[in-house]
Structures are given as structure tokens and as C-alpha cells.
Amino acid sequence: MSSTDAFRIASRLGLLTTVLMFGLIVVGSVVRTTGSGLACPDWPLCEGRLIPRFESHVLTEWFHRLLALLVSVMVLATAGWVAALAPLRARLGGLAALSAGLLCAQVLLGALTVWKHLSPSIVSSHLAVALLLFSTLLTVTLIASAAARPAAAGRPAATAAPRGAAPAPRRAGLAPTFALATGLAYLQSLLGGLVSSKHAGLACPDWPTCNGQWFPPLEGAVGLQMTHRWGGYLLTLVVLLAAARARAADAPGVRRGATVAALLTMLQVALGVSNVLLGTPPWASALHLANAAALLATLVTTTYRAAAPAALPLRAAVAT
């Protein structure tokens, strides 16, 4: 098997696992917002059964566990495929090992979530590791997909501009800006999870004010809710700034990613406001987290594309 075929298989495994992980994150939100987290009071079985009784909350939690099992199998399959082939180990070995380690932590935190009766700190840690695993799997997919392209296999990519060539100023500084937006999106997702697990979603039942105040005391649930709101405003500002700077980027993928990120950010603001005004219904909360995960994926992808060195044109590669 050629290295191109090996990387192509790795990219497909990574993509499937990433999509399943996205679904797991969204279903986890449904479990939390519908109060189904302790519908199965034991772990790994559910009420001592492998197949649980047919009750809505029980089935919601059981389906979450079934999806988690599928994700676990796919993460280990992806890591095993990478470990089995030397070219893949050289490029993806570290990320594959990281994904396997994050999976182990995630399984343990899932069990602790049940054993510790939905402790907010455990629930928040569970979401934090889930988003890290999601981002790691996406990065594996991006790198494997890039390595599987015929251009990548047929000629070397440039790691630096040819001697005497002018730098590409339209790419300069974009990667750090998108990396900052990615970090903020991750932290904002964690804040949102903490707001939900601590039942602070309706601490401020109005918007844009909080209980009629523009600057309420930052205490308790109100303080947590306002920190989440201000974090959202900051994230919006940084994403829109990055999108504006990316309009002149050389890479079409960066420009497209920036546009999608800006649109998802505005949608996220609208979903956040809707959650407050509608009283945080489970479907709105699930959409809010799903959109947050989609925004995080878009920013991770765009950061990767902005940071990846551009391939040399063929005649430049031959000349050097």
C-alpha cells in the first residue's frame, strides 16, 4: 500500500470519528438539559441491565453511552491504523497517542459523572475533554487529508519561500489571530457548559440587560451568566476581526473558513439570546452547543489552513 492510500484511509477514519464525536457532544447536551444524566444510576450497565427498559430519560442516557462506545471503537481503530504504518506514525503518531489518552480520560470522567451524581466540576471536565478530543480528531483528519493529496505525494511541499522571493504579507499574522479565536471559542464553550451544569442559564432572564441592570454584581449564578455573555461579546469581536483580515488572504480555504466562522458566530449570539428569552428549552440548548462545536471545528480548520505553509508552484519547486 502506498503512503498516499494509507493517509487517505486515515483521513476517512478520522473524519468518521470526528463526526461521531460531534454527535456525542450534542447528545450529551440533550442528556444534561433533559435531566437524564442519572436515569441510569449505575455504570457501565443501566439499572443493572445491558438493554435498559423503554423510558424516555433512560433511553436518552443509554443512547449517549452507546454513541460513546462507537466513538471509543473508532478512536482506537484510528490510533491503531496510525500506529501500524511507519509513514503515518511519523506524521500522526503524537496526535493519535493524544487522542487515545484523551479517550481514556473521557471514559473515566463519564463514569465519575454518574458516580458523583452530576457534580458540576466533573460535568464541566467531561465537556472540556470532549472538546479537546473533538479538536484533536479533526486535526488528525486535516493532516491526513493534506498528506493524501496527489500534489503532496508527487512533490515536496515548501517549508520556506525560495531564495530571493518576497514573503507573502497577506498571510502574515492570520494564524495567531485565528488561534486566539479558537482558544476563546473553546473557553466560551466551557463557560456555557458550566452555566448549564450550575443551572445559571436563567440567572439573567432578560437581554441585553441582566435583571434590568447593565452591570449587575458579579456574584453567584448572575456573575457566571454575565461572564459567559461578556466572553461571547469578546469572541464575536475577535472572530469578526479575523474574518475582516482574512478577506485579503491568499488561500481560498482561509477566506471561506473566515466567512463561515463569522456567520456561525452571529448565529451563536442569536441562539444564546433565544435561550434566555425562551427559558432555555432543551432543543435550544442543544442547538447552542451544536453550533458552538461547529464554530470550534471551523476555527480549528481555518487556523490549520492559515498556519500550513503554502506549497510552491511546480516550476518554483523544480527550480529550487
C-alpha atoms as a PDB file:
ATOM      1  CA  MET A   1       0.000   0.000   0.000  1.00  0.00           C
ATOM      2  CA  SER A   2       1.306   3.451  -0.889  1.00  0.00           C
ATOM      3  CA  SER A   3       1.651   6.125   1.742  1.00  0.00           C
ATOM      4  CA  THR A   4      -0.965   8.184  -0.124  1.00  0.00           C
ATOM      5  CA  ASP A   5      -3.527   5.379   0.260  1.00  0.00           C
ATOM      6  CA  ALA A   6      -2.577   4.939   3.915  1.00  0.00           C
ATOM      7  CA  PHE A   7      -3.095   8.623   4.632  1.00  0.00           C
ATOM      8  CA  ARG A   8      -6.376   8.587   2.697  1.00  0.00           C
ATOM      9  CA  ILE A   9      -7.706   5.769   4.885  1.00  0.00           C
ATOM     10  CA  ALA A  10      -6.502   7.608   7.988  1.00  0.00           C
ATOM     11  CA  SER A  11      -8.328  10.757   6.879  1.00  0.00           C
ATOM     12  CA  ARG A  12     -11.562   8.824   6.346  1.00  0.00           C
ATOM     13  CA  LEU A  13     -11.290   7.108   9.719  1.00  0.00           C
ATOM     14  CA  GLY A  14     -10.544  10.443  11.342  1.00  0.00           C
ATOM     15  CA  LEU A  15     -13.467  12.160   9.615  1.00  0.00           C
ATOM     16  CA  LEU A  16     -15.958   9.463  10.618  1.00  0.00           C
ATOM     17  CA  THR A  17     -14.700   9.537  14.198  1.00  0.00           C
ATOM     18  CA  THR A  18     -14.883  13.338  14.291  1.00  0.00           C
ATOM     19  CA  VAL A  19     -18.492  13.308  13.055  1.00  0.00           C
ATOM     20  CA  LEU A  20     -19.432  10.701  15.676  1.00  0.00           C
ATOM     21  CA  MET A  21     -17.698  12.789  18.330  1.00  0.00           C
ATOM     22  CA  PHE A  22     -19.704  15.831  17.254  1.00  0.00           C
ATOM     23  CA  GLY A  23     -22.899  13.813  17.639  1.00  0.00           C
ATOM     24  CA  LEU A  24     -21.787  12.589  21.063  1.00  0.00           C
ATOM     25  CA  ILE A  25     -21.223  16.158  22.268  1.00  0.00           C
ATOM     26  CA  VAL A  26     -24.683  17.230  21.094  1.00  0.00           C
ATOM     27  CA  VAL A  27     -26.405  14.187  22.602  1.00  0.00           C
ATOM     28  CA  GLY A  28     -24.529  14.868  25.848  1.00  0.00           C
ATOM     29  CA  SER A  29     -26.137  18.305  25.898  1.00  0.00           C
ATOM     30  CA  VAL A  30     -29.563  16.719  25.443  1.00  0.00           C
ATOM     31  CA  VAL A  31     -28.849  14.347  28.332  1.00  0.00           C
ATOM     32  CA  ARG A  32     -27.921  17.276  30.564  1.00  0.00           C
ATOM     33  CA  THR A  33     -30.749  19.642  29.634  1.00  0.00           C
ATOM     34  CA  THR A  34     -33.479  16.974  29.797  1.00  0.00           C
ATOM     35  CA  GLY A  35     -32.361  15.844  33.251  1.00  0.00           C
ATOM     36  CA  SER A  36     -31.469  12.363  32.017  1.00  0.00           C
ATOM     37  CA  GLY A  37     -27.944  12.243  33.467  1.00  0.00           C
ATOM     38  CA  LEU A  38     -28.892   9.885  36.317  1.00  0.00           C
ATOM     39  CA  ALA A  39     -31.607   7.971  34.501  1.00  0.00           C
ATOM     40  CA  CYS A  40     -29.067   5.142  34.544  1.00  0.00           C
ATOM     41  CA  PRO A  41     -27.811   5.348  38.152  1.00  0.00           C
ATOM     42  CA  ASP A  42     -25.038   2.794  37.626  1.00  0.00           C
ATOM     43  CA  TRP A  43     -22.152   2.412  35.177  1.00  0.00           C
ATOM     44  CA  PRO A  44     -21.312   0.770  32.799  1.00  0.00           C
ATOM     45  CA  LEU A  45     -24.681  -1.029  32.934  1.00  0.00           C
ATOM     46  CA  CYS A  46     -28.011   0.790  33.119  1.00  0.00           C
ATOM     47  CA  GLU A  47     -30.136  -0.252  36.097  1.00  0.00           C
ATOM     48  CA  GLY A  48     -28.106  -3.445  36.100  1.00  0.00           C
ATOM     49  CA  ARG A  49     -29.091  -4.234  32.514  1.00  0.00           C
ATOM     50  CA  LEU A  50     -27.286  -4.279  29.221  1.00  0.00           C
ATOM     51  CA  ILE A  51     -30.511  -3.347  27.379  1.00  0.00           C
ATOM     52  CA  PRO A  52     -32.493  -0.900  29.536  1.00  0.00           C
ATOM     53  CA  ARG A  53     -36.226  -0.505  29.988  1.00  0.00           C
ATOM     54  CA  PHE A  54     -38.046   1.648  27.464  1.00  0.00           C
ATOM     55  CA  GLU A  55     -38.432   5.008  29.186  1.00  0.00           C
ATOM     56  CA  SER A  56     -37.536   8.316  27.526  1.00  0.00           C
ATOM     57  CA  HIS A  57     -34.907   9.529  30.019  1.00  0.00           C
ATOM     58  CA  VAL A  58     -33.361   6.074  30.347  1.00  0.00           C
ATOM     59  CA  LEU A  59     -33.168   5.641  26.575  1.00  0.00           C
ATOM     60  CA  THR A  60     -31.658   9.112  26.146  1.00  0.00           C
ATOM     61  CA  GLU A  61     -28.820   8.304  28.556  1.00  0.00           C
ATOM     62  CA  TRP A  62     -28.416   4.784  27.157  1.00  0.00           C
ATOM     63  CA  PHE A  63     -28.133   6.117  23.594  1.00  0.00           C
ATOM     64  CA  HIS A  64     -25.474   8.561  24.805  1.00  0.00           C
ATOM     65  CA  ARG A  65     -23.493   5.645  26.209  1.00  0.00           C
ATOM     66  CA  LEU A  66     -23.961   3.603  23.026  1.00  0.00           C
ATOM     67  CA  LEU A  67     -22.664   6.505  20.928  1.00  0.00           C
ATOM     68  CA  ALA A  68     -19.729   6.876  23.331  1.00  0.00           C
ATOM     69  CA  LEU A  69     -18.904   3.199  22.767  1.00  0.00           C
ATOM     70  CA  LEU A  70     -18.901   3.726  18.990  1.00  0.00           C
ATOM     71  CA  VAL A  71     -16.623   6.738  19.370  1.00  0.00           C
ATOM     72  CA  SER A  72     -14.260   4.715  21.571  1.00  0.00           C
ATOM     73  CA  VAL A  73     -14.031   1.940  18.992  1.00  0.00           C
ATOM     74  CA  MET A  74     -13.361   4.434  16.194  1.00  0.00           C
ATOM     75  CA  VAL A  75     -10.727   6.377  18.156  1.00  0.00           C
ATOM     76  CA  LEU A  76      -8.858   3.153  18.912  1.00  0.00           C
ATOM     77  CA  ALA A  77      -9.223   1.984  15.302  1.00  0.00           C
ATOM     78  CA  THR A  78      -7.803   5.279  14.013  1.00  0.00           C
ATOM     79  CA  ALA A  79      -4.946   5.222  16.516  1.00  0.00           C
ATOM     80  CA  GLY A  80      -4.241   1.577  15.691  1.00  0.00           C
ATOM     81  CA  TRP A  81      -4.110   2.289  11.963  1.00  0.00           C
ATOM     82  CA  VAL A  82      -1.672   5.144  12.550  1.00  0.00           C
ATOM     83  CA  ALA A  83       0.496   3.006  14.831  1.00  0.00           C
ATOM     84  CA  ALA A  84       0.644   0.159  12.314  1.00  0.00           C
ATOM     85  CA  LEU A  85       2.276   2.123   9.481  1.00  0.00           C
ATOM     86  CA  ALA A  86       5.593   3.980   9.703  1.00  0.00           C
ATOM     87  CA  PRO A  87       4.715   6.952   7.426  1.00  0.00           C
ATOM     88  CA  LEU A  88       1.590   7.597   9.492  1.00  0.00           C
ATOM     89  CA  ARG A  89       3.428   7.243  12.797  1.00  0.00           C
ATOM     90  CA  ALA A  90       5.941   9.859  11.679  1.00  0.00           C
ATOM     91  CA  ARG A  91       3.239  12.444  10.912  1.00  0.00           C
ATOM     92  CA  LEU A  92       0.351  11.481  13.178  1.00  0.00           C
ATOM     93  CA  GLY A  93       1.787   9.322  15.956  1.00  0.00           C
ATOM     94  CA  GLY A  94       1.757  12.053  18.605  1.00  0.00           C
ATOM     95  CA  LEU A  95      -1.795  13.135  17.835  1.00  0.00           C
ATOM     96  CA  ALA A  96      -3.003   9.531  17.728  1.00  0.00           C
ATOM     97  CA  ALA A  97      -1.473   8.850  21.139  1.00  0.00           C
ATOM     98  CA  LEU A  98      -3.011  12.070  22.474  1.00  0.00           C
ATOM     99  CA  SER A  99      -6.455  11.071  21.179  1.00  0.00           C
ATOM    100  CA  ALA A 100      -6.175   7.663  22.879  1.00  0.00           C
ATOM    101  CA  GLY A 101      -5.144   9.323  26.149  1.00  0.00           C
ATOM    102  CA  LEU A 102      -7.991  11.827  25.960  1.00  0.00           C
ATOM    103  CA  LEU A 103     -10.387   8.953  25.282  1.00  0.00           C
ATOM    104  CA  CYS A 104      -9.280   7.186  28.463  1.00  0.00           C
ATOM    105  CA  ALA A 105      -9.786  10.390  30.446  1.00  0.00           C
ATOM    106  CA  GLN A 106     -13.189  10.886  28.843  1.00  0.00           C
ATOM    107  CA  VAL A 107     -14.383   7.389  29.717  1.00  0.00           C
ATOM    108  CA  LEU A 108     -13.259   7.840  33.320  1.00  0.00           C
ATOM    109  CA  LEU A 109     -14.971  11.228  33.582  1.00  0.00           C
ATOM    110  CA  GLY A 110     -18.139   9.739  32.121  1.00  0.00           C
ATOM    111  CA  ALA A 111     -18.181   7.115  34.861  1.00  0.00           C
ATOM    112  CA  LEU A 112     -17.406   9.726  37.533  1.00  0.00           C
ATOM    113  CA  THR A 113     -20.272  11.874  36.268  1.00  0.00           C
ATOM    114  CA  VAL A 114     -22.637   9.076  37.302  1.00  0.00           C
ATOM    115  CA  TRP A 115     -20.790   8.007  40.456  1.00  0.00           C
ATOM    116  CA  LYS A 116     -20.501  11.616  41.713  1.00  0.00           C
ATOM    117  CA  HIS A 117     -24.156  12.373  40.923  1.00  0.00           C
ATOM    118  CA  LEU A 118     -23.590  15.030  38.254  1.00  0.00           C
ATOM    119  CA  SER A 119     -21.034  17.077  40.159  1.00  0.00           C
ATOM    120  CA  PRO A 120     -20.714  20.379  38.193  1.00  0.00           C
ATOM    121  CA  SER A 121     -16.907  20.191  38.243  1.00  0.00           C
ATOM    122  CA  ILE A 122     -16.952  16.650  36.815  1.00  0.00           C
ATOM    123  CA  VAL A 123     -19.584  17.523  34.196  1.00  0.00           C
ATOM    124  CA  SER A 124     -17.557  20.562  33.092  1.00  0.00           C
ATOM    125  CA  SER A 125     -14.351  18.499  32.932  1.00  0.00           C
ATOM    126  CA  HIS A 126     -16.217  15.908  30.860  1.00  0.00           C
ATOM    127  CA  LEU A 127     -17.162  18.588  28.321  1.00  0.00           C
ATOM    128  CA  ALA A 128     -13.643  20.083  28.361  1.00  0.00           C
ATOM    129  CA  VAL A 129     -12.019  16.757  27.469  1.00  0.00           C
ATOM    130  CA  ALA A 130     -14.718  16.007  24.880  1.00  0.00           C
ATOM    131  CA  LEU A 131     -13.990  19.253  23.028  1.00  0.00           C
ATOM    132  CA  LEU A 132     -10.241  18.601  23.198  1.00  0.00           C
ATOM    133  CA  LEU A 133     -10.731  15.108  21.786  1.00  0.00           C
ATOM    134  CA  PHE A 134     -13.006  16.512  19.075  1.00  0.00           C
ATOM    135  CA  SER A 135     -10.381  19.100  18.083  1.00  0.00           C
ATOM    136  CA  THR A 136      -7.583  16.511  18.132  1.00  0.00           C
ATOM    137  CA  LEU A 137      -9.516  14.126  15.882  1.00  0.00           C
ATOM    138  CA  LEU A 138     -10.268  16.968  13.494  1.00  0.00           C
ATOM    139  CA  THR A 139      -6.574  17.888  13.356  1.00  0.00           C
ATOM    140  CA  VAL A 140      -5.664  14.267  12.584  1.00  0.00           C
ATOM    141  CA  THR A 141      -8.188  14.356   9.747  1.00  0.00           C
ATOM    142  CA  LEU A 142      -6.830  17.624   8.344  1.00  0.00           C
ATOM    143  CA  ILE A 143      -3.202  16.480   8.363  1.00  0.00           C
ATOM    144  CA  ALA A 144      -4.004  13.064   6.905  1.00  0.00           C
ATOM    145  CA  SER A 145      -6.192  14.612   4.209  1.00  0.00           C
ATOM    146  CA  ALA A 146      -3.447  17.058   3.214  1.00  0.00           C
ATOM    147  CA  ALA A 147      -0.866  14.256   3.079  1.00  0.00           C
ATOM    148  CA  ALA A 148      -3.159  12.125   0.900  1.00  0.00           C
ATOM    149  CA  ARG A 149      -3.463  14.704  -1.870  1.00  0.00           C
ATOM    150  CA  PRO A 150      -1.647  13.761  -5.083  1.00  0.00           C
ATOM    151  CA  ALA A 151       0.264  17.078  -5.047  1.00  0.00           C
ATOM    152  CA  ALA A 152       1.592  16.314  -1.587  1.00  0.00           C
ATOM    153  CA  ALA A 153       2.700  12.845  -2.653  1.00  0.00           C
ATOM    154  CA  GLY A 154       4.120  13.852  -6.038  1.00  0.00           C
ATOM    155  CA  ARG A 155       6.350  16.704  -4.985  1.00  0.00           C
ATOM    156  CA  PRO A 156       7.612  18.161  -1.739  1.00  0.00           C
ATOM    157  CA  ALA A 157       5.759  20.997  -0.096  1.00  0.00           C
ATOM    158  CA  ALA A 158       7.685  24.126   0.647  1.00  0.00           C
ATOM    159  CA  THR A 159       8.712  24.838   4.173  1.00  0.00           C
ATOM    160  CA  ALA A 160      10.129  28.194   3.259  1.00  0.00           C
ATOM    161  CA  ALA A 161       9.948  30.658   0.393  1.00  0.00           C
ATOM    162  CA  PRO A 162      12.554  30.278  -2.386  1.00  0.00           C
ATOM    163  CA  ARG A 163      15.729  32.292  -2.007  1.00  0.00           C
ATOM    164  CA  GLY A 164      15.155  35.867  -3.103  1.00  0.00           C
ATOM    165  CA  ALA A 165      11.378  35.507  -3.198  1.00  0.00           C
ATOM    166  CA  ALA A 166       9.251  38.103  -1.476  1.00  0.00           C
ATOM    167  CA  PRO A 167       7.263  36.989   1.598  1.00  0.00           C
ATOM    168  CA  ALA A 168       3.501  36.603   1.403  1.00  0.00           C
ATOM    169  CA  PRO A 169       2.293  39.526   3.522  1.00  0.00           C
ATOM    170  CA  ARG A 170      -1.351  38.716   3.002  1.00  0.00           C
ATOM    171  CA  ARG A 171      -0.909  35.552   5.097  1.00  0.00           C
ATOM    172  CA  ALA A 172       1.209  37.128   7.818  1.00  0.00           C
ATOM    173  CA  GLY A 173      -0.382  37.211  11.263  1.00  0.00           C
ATOM    174  CA  LEU A 174      -3.567  35.377  10.308  1.00  0.00           C
ATOM    175  CA  ALA A 175      -2.709  32.118  12.069  1.00  0.00           C
ATOM    176  CA  PRO A 176      -2.186  33.751  15.516  1.00  0.00           C
ATOM    177  CA  THR A 177      -5.438  35.682  15.137  1.00  0.00           C
ATOM    178  CA  PHE A 178      -7.402  32.561  14.291  1.00  0.00           C
ATOM    179  CA  ALA A 179      -5.595  30.622  17.035  1.00  0.00           C
ATOM    180  CA  LEU A 180      -6.733  33.269  19.525  1.00  0.00           C
ATOM    181  CA  ALA A 181     -10.300  32.967  18.252  1.00  0.00           C
ATOM    182  CA  THR A 182     -10.077  29.169  18.546  1.00  0.00           C
ATOM    183  CA  GLY A 183      -8.892  29.380  22.150  1.00  0.00           C
ATOM    184  CA  LEU A 184     -11.655  31.831  23.021  1.00  0.00           C
ATOM    185  CA  ALA A 185     -14.271  29.599  21.374  1.00  0.00           C
ATOM    186  CA  TYR A 186     -13.045  26.646  23.444  1.00  0.00           C
ATOM    187  CA  LEU A 187     -13.154  28.618  26.689  1.00  0.00           C
ATOM    188  CA  GLN A 188     -16.553  30.072  25.835  1.00  0.00           C
ATOM    189  CA  SER A 189     -17.913  26.560  25.252  1.00  0.00           C
ATOM    190  CA  LEU A 190     -16.639  25.518  28.672  1.00  0.00           C
ATOM    191  CA  LEU A 191     -18.255  28.568  30.280  1.00  0.00           C
ATOM    192  CA  GLY A 192     -21.522  27.655  28.582  1.00  0.00           C
ATOM    193  CA  GLY A 193     -21.296  24.128  29.945  1.00  0.00           C
ATOM    194  CA  LEU A 194     -20.634  25.485  33.423  1.00  0.00           C
ATOM    195  CA  VAL A 195     -23.632  27.823  33.144  1.00  0.00           C
ATOM    196  CA  SER A 196     -25.797  24.816  32.257  1.00  0.00           C
ATOM    197  CA  SER A 197     -24.433  22.440  34.905  1.00  0.00           C
ATOM    198  CA  LYS A 198     -24.804  25.080  37.636  1.00  0.00           C
ATOM    199  CA  HIS A 199     -28.319  25.966  36.429  1.00  0.00           C
ATOM    200  CA  ALA A 200     -27.363  29.582  35.813  1.00  0.00           C
ATOM    201  CA  GLY A 201     -28.997  29.826  32.403  1.00  0.00           C
ATOM    202  CA  LEU A 202     -31.885  31.920  33.704  1.00  0.00           C
ATOM    203  CA  ALA A 203     -29.989  33.878  36.348  1.00  0.00           C
ATOM    204  CA  CYS A 204     -30.480  36.788  33.934  1.00  0.00           C
ATOM    205  CA  PRO A 205     -33.935  36.262  32.352  1.00  0.00           C
ATOM    206  CA  ASP A 206     -33.610  39.308  30.102  1.00  0.00           C
ATOM    207  CA  TRP A 207     -31.209  40.531  27.430  1.00  0.00           C
ATOM    208  CA  PRO A 208     -29.104  42.640  26.870  1.00  0.00           C
ATOM    209  CA  THR A 209     -29.555  43.697  30.494  1.00  0.00           C
ATOM    210  CA  CYS A 210     -29.499  41.333  33.469  1.00  0.00           C
ATOM    211  CA  ASN A 211     -32.492  41.728  35.741  1.00  0.00           C
ATOM    212  CA  GLY A 212     -32.802  45.228  34.338  1.00  0.00           C
ATOM    213  CA  GLN A 213     -29.157  46.101  35.081  1.00  0.00           C
ATOM    214  CA  TRP A 214     -26.364  46.696  32.582  1.00  0.00           C
ATOM    215  CA  PHE A 215     -23.626  45.946  35.108  1.00  0.00           C
ATOM    216  CA  PRO A 216     -25.023  43.689  37.853  1.00  0.00           C
ATOM    217  CA  PRO A 217     -22.858  42.464  40.752  1.00  0.00           C
ATOM    218  CA  LEU A 218     -20.687  39.576  39.543  1.00  0.00           C
ATOM    219  CA  GLU A 219     -21.757  37.154  42.238  1.00  0.00           C
ATOM    220  CA  GLY A 220     -23.027  33.589  42.133  1.00  0.00           C
ATOM    221  CA  ALA A 221     -25.131  32.496  39.178  1.00  0.00           C
ATOM    222  CA  VAL A 222     -25.504  36.067  37.908  1.00  0.00           C
ATOM    223  CA  GLY A 223     -21.731  36.515  37.827  1.00  0.00           C
ATOM    224  CA  LEU A 224     -21.323  33.241  35.919  1.00  0.00           C
ATOM    225  CA  GLN A 225     -24.021  34.188  33.411  1.00  0.00           C
ATOM    226  CA  MET A 226     -22.559  37.655  32.835  1.00  0.00           C
ATOM    227  CA  THR A 227     -19.034  36.260  32.418  1.00  0.00           C
ATOM    228  CA  HIS A 228     -20.399  33.941  29.743  1.00  0.00           C
ATOM    229  CA  ARG A 229     -22.131  36.844  27.995  1.00  0.00           C
ATOM    230  CA  TRP A 230     -19.070  39.077  28.023  1.00  0.00           C
ATOM    231  CA  GLY A 231     -16.950  36.176  26.815  1.00  0.00           C
ATOM    232  CA  GLY A 232     -19.377  35.830  23.925  1.00  0.00           C
ATOM    233  CA  TYR A 233     -19.019  39.505  23.057  1.00  0.00           C
ATOM    234  CA  LEU A 234     -15.227  39.209  23.107  1.00  0.00           C
ATOM    235  CA  LEU A 235     -15.291  36.093  20.934  1.00  0.00           C
ATOM    236  CA  THR A 236     -17.589  37.822  18.440  1.00  0.00           C
ATOM    237  CA  LEU A 237     -15.231  40.792  18.212  1.00  0.00           C
ATOM    238  CA  VAL A 238     -12.145  38.613  17.643  1.00  0.00           C
ATOM    239  CA  VAL A 239     -13.855  36.380  15.045  1.00  0.00           C
ATOM    240  CA  LEU A 240     -15.150  39.384  13.090  1.00  0.00           C
ATOM    241  CA  LEU A 241     -11.686  40.953  13.226  1.00  0.00           C
ATOM    242  CA  ALA A 242     -10.121  37.732  11.947  1.00  0.00           C
ATOM    243  CA  ALA A 243     -12.729  37.491   9.184  1.00  0.00           C
ATOM    244  CA  ALA A 244     -12.064  41.063   8.102  1.00  0.00           C
ATOM    245  CA  ARG A 245      -8.305  40.440   7.957  1.00  0.00           C
ATOM    246  CA  ALA A 246      -8.803  37.172   6.084  1.00  0.00           C
ATOM    247  CA  ARG A 247     -10.629  38.833   3.189  1.00  0.00           C
ATOM    248  CA  ALA A 248      -7.232  39.532   1.593  1.00  0.00           C
ATOM    249  CA  ALA A 249      -5.760  36.109   2.397  1.00  0.00           C
ATOM    250  CA  ASP A 250      -4.047  34.231  -0.438  1.00  0.00           C
ATOM    251  CA  ALA A 251      -5.619  30.860   0.417  1.00  0.00           C
ATOM    252  CA  PRO A 252      -9.284  30.454  -0.645  1.00  0.00           C
ATOM    253  CA  GLY A 253      -9.825  27.972   2.195  1.00  0.00           C
ATOM    254  CA  VAL A 254      -8.847  30.595   4.749  1.00  0.00           C
ATOM    255  CA  ARG A 255     -11.225  33.143   3.240  1.00  0.00           C
ATOM    256  CA  ARG A 256     -14.087  30.652   3.169  1.00  0.00           C
ATOM    257  CA  GLY A 257     -13.394  29.456   6.684  1.00  0.00           C
ATOM    258  CA  ALA A 258     -13.326  33.019   7.994  1.00  0.00           C
ATOM    259  CA  THR A 259     -16.688  33.770   6.383  1.00  0.00           C
ATOM    260  CA  VAL A 260     -18.269  30.609   7.793  1.00  0.00           C
ATOM    261  CA  ALA A 261     -16.825  31.346  11.242  1.00  0.00           C
ATOM    262  CA  ALA A 262     -18.299  34.860  11.190  1.00  0.00           C
ATOM    263  CA  LEU A 263     -21.733  33.536  10.189  1.00  0.00           C
ATOM    264  CA  LEU A 264     -21.660  30.797  12.846  1.00  0.00           C
ATOM    265  CA  THR A 265     -20.637  33.356  15.460  1.00  0.00           C
ATOM    266  CA  MET A 266     -23.587  35.605  14.656  1.00  0.00           C
ATOM    267  CA  LEU A 267     -25.878  32.577  14.731  1.00  0.00           C
ATOM    268  CA  GLN A 268     -24.404  31.619  18.098  1.00  0.00           C
ATOM    269  CA  VAL A 269     -25.262  35.039  19.501  1.00  0.00           C
ATOM    270  CA  ALA A 270     -28.824  34.677  18.217  1.00  0.00           C
ATOM    271  CA  LEU A 271     -29.132  31.205  19.744  1.00  0.00           C
ATOM    272  CA  GLY A 272     -27.763  32.470  23.055  1.00  0.00           C
ATOM    273  CA  VAL A 273     -30.311  35.280  23.182  1.00  0.00           C
ATOM    274  CA  SER A 274     -33.087  32.850  22.194  1.00  0.00           C
ATOM    275  CA  ASN A 275     -32.089  30.524  25.032  1.00  0.00           C
ATOM    276  CA  VAL A 276     -32.578  33.332  27.535  1.00  0.00           C
ATOM    277  CA  LEU A 277     -35.810  34.717  26.110  1.00  0.00           C
ATOM    278  CA  LEU A 278     -37.377  31.263  25.626  1.00  0.00           C
ATOM    279  CA  GLY A 279     -36.381  29.957  29.054  1.00  0.00           C
ATOM    280  CA  THR A 280     -33.565  27.577  27.958  1.00  0.00           C
ATOM    281  CA  PRO A 281     -35.652  24.801  26.361  1.00  0.00           C
ATOM    282  CA  PRO A 282     -33.638  21.611  25.771  1.00  0.00           C
ATOM    283  CA  TRP A 283     -33.773  21.887  21.974  1.00  0.00           C
ATOM    284  CA  ALA A 284     -32.415  25.453  22.043  1.00  0.00           C
ATOM    285  CA  SER A 285     -29.619  24.474  24.422  1.00  0.00           C
ATOM    286  CA  ALA A 286     -28.685  21.527  22.205  1.00  0.00           C
ATOM    287  CA  LEU A 287     -28.598  23.776  19.123  1.00  0.00           C
ATOM    288  CA  HIS A 288     -26.484  26.284  21.045  1.00  0.00           C
ATOM    289  CA  LEU A 289     -23.864  23.655  21.903  1.00  0.00           C
ATOM    290  CA  ALA A 290     -24.021  22.076  18.427  1.00  0.00           C
ATOM    291  CA  ASN A 291     -23.351  25.451  16.833  1.00  0.00           C
ATOM    292  CA  ALA A 292     -20.550  26.110  19.329  1.00  0.00           C
ATOM    293  CA  ALA A 293     -18.892  22.816  18.357  1.00  0.00           C
ATOM    294  CA  ALA A 294     -19.335  23.646  14.657  1.00  0.00           C
ATOM    295  CA  LEU A 295     -17.749  27.051  15.241  1.00  0.00           C
ATOM    296  CA  LEU A 296     -14.844  25.462  17.106  1.00  0.00           C
ATOM    297  CA  ALA A 297     -14.327  22.988  14.234  1.00  0.00           C
ATOM    298  CA  THR A 298     -14.393  25.808  11.688  1.00  0.00           C
ATOM    299  CA  LEU A 299     -11.850  27.829  13.629  1.00  0.00           C
ATOM    300  CA  VAL A 300      -9.540  24.826  14.141  1.00  0.00           C
ATOM    301  CA  THR A 301      -9.699  24.102  10.401  1.00  0.00           C
ATOM    302  CA  THR A 302      -9.105  27.725   9.409  1.00  0.00           C
ATOM    303  CA  THR A 303      -6.227  28.075  11.864  1.00  0.00           C
ATOM    304  CA  TYR A 304      -4.630  24.954  10.392  1.00  0.00           C
ATOM    305  CA  ARG A 305      -5.022  26.297   6.851  1.00  0.00           C
ATOM    306  CA  ALA A 306      -3.653  29.708   7.801  1.00  0.00           C
ATOM    307  CA  ALA A 307      -0.651  28.157   9.561  1.00  0.00           C
ATOM    308  CA  ALA A 308       0.150  25.482   6.959  1.00  0.00           C
ATOM    309  CA  PRO A 309       2.975  26.545   4.624  1.00  0.00           C
ATOM    310  CA  ALA A 310       1.757  27.166   1.106  1.00  0.00           C
ATOM    311  CA  ALA A 311       3.008  24.669  -1.449  1.00  0.00           C
ATOM    312  CA  LEU A 312       5.435  26.032  -4.001  1.00  0.00           C
ATOM    313  CA  PRO A 313       4.285  26.342  -7.587  1.00  0.00           C
ATOM    314  CA  LEU A 314       5.614  23.418  -9.635  1.00  0.00           C
ATOM    315  CA  ARG A 315       8.119  25.475 -11.618  1.00  0.00           C
ATOM    316  CA  ALA A 316       9.475  27.034  -8.406  1.00  0.00           C
ATOM    317  CA  ALA A 317       9.842  23.601  -6.822  1.00  0.00           C
ATOM    318  CA  VAL A 318      11.761  22.344  -9.857  1.00  0.00           C
ATOM    319  CA  ALA A 319      13.963  25.431  -9.946  1.00  0.00           C
ATOM    320  CA  THR A 320      14.979  25.059  -6.333  1.00  0.00           C
END
